[in-house]
Amino acid sequence: MFEWIAKVTNTRPLYTKYALYTLPSNGHFSHDRATSELGYKPRDMALTLKDTIQWLKGKEVPLEL
């Protein structure tokens, strides 16, 4: 339906059939290969969120949630 509405209104669709089809599988990725071949080391989520919040506080653009 989103694609049809986009076609009628000459806009980009909010979602495509393919996007909705792949949505449930997007969380099933492993970083094992990146870790073994590239030395990838994921950061602790709490530290990442703390750093992100500090970085966002330094921006002058107001955030809207």
Protein backbone atom coordinates (compact mmCIF):
# COMPACT_ATOMS: atom_id res chain seq x y z
CA MET A 1 0.00 0.00 0.00
CA PHE A 2 2.86 2.41 0.80
CA GLU A 3 4.31 1.94 -2.68
CA TRP A 4 0.94 2.58 -4.30
CA ILE A 5 0.40 5.79 -2.29
CA ALA A 6 3.88 6.97 -3.23
CA LYS A 7 3.22 6.29 -6.89
CA VAL A 8 -0.10 8.17 -6.81
CA THR A 9 1.37 11.14 -4.91
CA ASN A 10 4.67 11.08 -6.84
CA THR A 11 6.71 10.76 -3.63
CA ARG A 12 9.11 8.21 -2.16
CA PRO A 13 7.41 5.36 -0.30
CA LEU A 14 7.72 5.32 3.48
CA TYR A 15 8.35 1.57 3.30
CA THR A 16 8.84 -0.81 0.39
CA LYS A 17 7.74 -4.43 0.24
CA TYR A 18 11.39 -5.46 0.35
CA ALA A 19 12.12 -3.29 3.41
CA LEU A 20 9.21 -4.84 5.29
CA TYR A 21 10.29 -8.32 4.16
CA THR A 22 13.85 -7.87 5.48
CA LEU A 23 12.90 -6.06 8.70
CA PRO A 24 12.67 -9.18 10.92
CA SER A 25 16.11 -10.45 9.84
CA ASN A 26 18.13 -7.25 10.36
CA GLY A 27 19.18 -8.22 13.88
CA HIS A 28 20.75 -11.53 12.86
CA PHE A 29 24.29 -10.40 12.06
CA SER A 30 27.52 -11.53 13.61
CA HIS A 31 30.74 -9.54 13.94
CA ASP A 32 32.85 -12.72 14.22
CA ARG A 33 34.50 -12.27 10.82
CA ALA A 34 35.23 -8.59 11.43
CA THR A 35 36.71 -9.51 14.80
CA SER A 36 38.93 -12.28 13.45
CA GLU A 37 40.02 -10.66 10.18
CA LEU A 38 40.02 -6.94 11.03
CA GLY A 39 40.51 -6.88 14.78
CA TYR A 40 37.11 -5.30 15.41
CA LYS A 41 36.41 -4.76 19.10
CA PRO A 42 32.89 -3.61 20.00
CA ARG A 43 32.67 -0.98 22.72
CA ASP A 44 30.65 -1.28 25.89
CA MET A 45 27.15 0.08 25.20
CA ALA A 46 27.03 2.16 28.40
CA LEU A 47 30.30 3.90 27.49
CA THR A 48 29.11 4.47 23.93
CA LEU A 49 25.84 6.02 25.12
CA LYS A 50 27.69 8.23 27.62
CA ASP A 51 30.06 9.48 24.90
CA THR A 52 27.17 10.06 22.50
CA ILE A 53 25.24 12.10 25.06
CA GLN A 54 28.32 14.21 25.82
CA TRP A 55 28.85 14.80 22.09
CA LEU A 56 25.19 15.74 21.55
CA LYS A 57 25.28 18.18 24.47
CA GLY A 58 28.12 20.00 22.70
CA LYS A 59 25.95 20.64 19.63
CA GLU A 60 23.93 23.83 19.27
CA VAL A 61 21.12 22.18 17.31
CA PRO A 62 18.14 21.42 19.59
CA LEU A 63 17.15 17.77 19.69
CA GLU A 64 13.53 16.81 19.27
CA LEU A 65 12.42 13.39 20.42
